[in-house]
């Protein structure tokens, strides 16, 4: 589908896989992997504190 777009004068191209984006993508991946673990850990801590 992207091949059907016609480029016009003053159009801007965005390259999302540029080398400068790689560290940001790694941080996002790690964040997505560990976010559920941190959420569960925090919830367990809150439950334990409320039971004491």
Protein backbone atom coordinates (compact mmCIF):
# COMPACT_ATOMS: atom_id res chain seq x y z
CA UNK A 1 0.00 0.00 0.00
CA UNK A 2 2.85 2.43 0.79
CA UNK A 3 4.11 2.06 -2.77
CA UNK A 4 0.90 3.63 -4.10
CA UNK A 5 1.59 7.04 -2.53
CA UNK A 6 2.92 9.63 -4.95
CA UNK A 7 5.68 11.93 -3.72
CA UNK A 8 5.02 15.62 -4.19
CA UNK A 9 7.15 18.74 -3.91
CA UNK A 10 8.08 19.58 -0.30
CA UNK A 11 7.03 16.14 1.03
CA UNK A 12 9.02 14.92 4.02
CA UNK A 13 10.37 11.39 4.34
CA UNK A 14 10.69 9.78 7.77
CA UNK A 15 12.99 6.79 8.26
CA UNK A 16 11.93 5.11 11.49
CA UNK A 17 14.80 2.61 11.47
CA UNK A 18 17.58 5.20 11.58
CA UNK A 19 20.59 4.25 13.70
CA UNK A 20 19.84 7.08 16.13
CA UNK A 21 16.51 5.43 17.03
CA UNK A 22 18.02 2.09 18.04
CA UNK A 23 18.85 2.94 21.70
CA UNK A 24 15.36 4.36 22.16
CA UNK A 25 13.80 1.22 20.71
CA UNK A 26 15.87 -0.95 23.08
CA UNK A 27 14.75 1.08 26.09
CA UNK A 28 11.11 0.80 24.97
CA UNK A 29 11.44 -2.97 24.54
CA UNK A 30 12.98 -3.43 28.00
CA UNK A 31 10.31 -1.19 29.51
CA UNK A 32 7.53 -3.21 27.88
CA UNK A 33 9.04 -6.46 29.14
CA UNK A 34 9.50 -5.38 32.76
CA UNK A 35 6.49 -3.10 33.23
CA UNK A 36 4.08 -5.98 34.06
CA UNK A 37 6.57 -7.43 36.55
CA UNK A 38 6.96 -4.09 38.31
CA UNK A 39 3.18 -3.60 38.40
CA UNK A 40 2.61 -7.01 40.01
CA UNK A 41 5.45 -6.47 42.47
CA UNK A 42 4.01 -3.10 43.46
CA UNK A 43 0.52 -4.56 43.86
CA UNK A 44 1.78 -7.40 46.05
CA UNK A 45 3.69 -4.91 48.19
CA UNK A 46 0.56 -2.78 48.67
CA UNK A 47 -1.52 -5.84 49.61
CA UNK A 48 1.11 -7.03 52.09
CA UNK A 49 1.33 -3.58 53.68
CA UNK A 50 -2.45 -3.33 54.03
CA UNK A 51 -2.60 -6.75 55.74
CA UNK A 52 0.00 -5.78 58.38
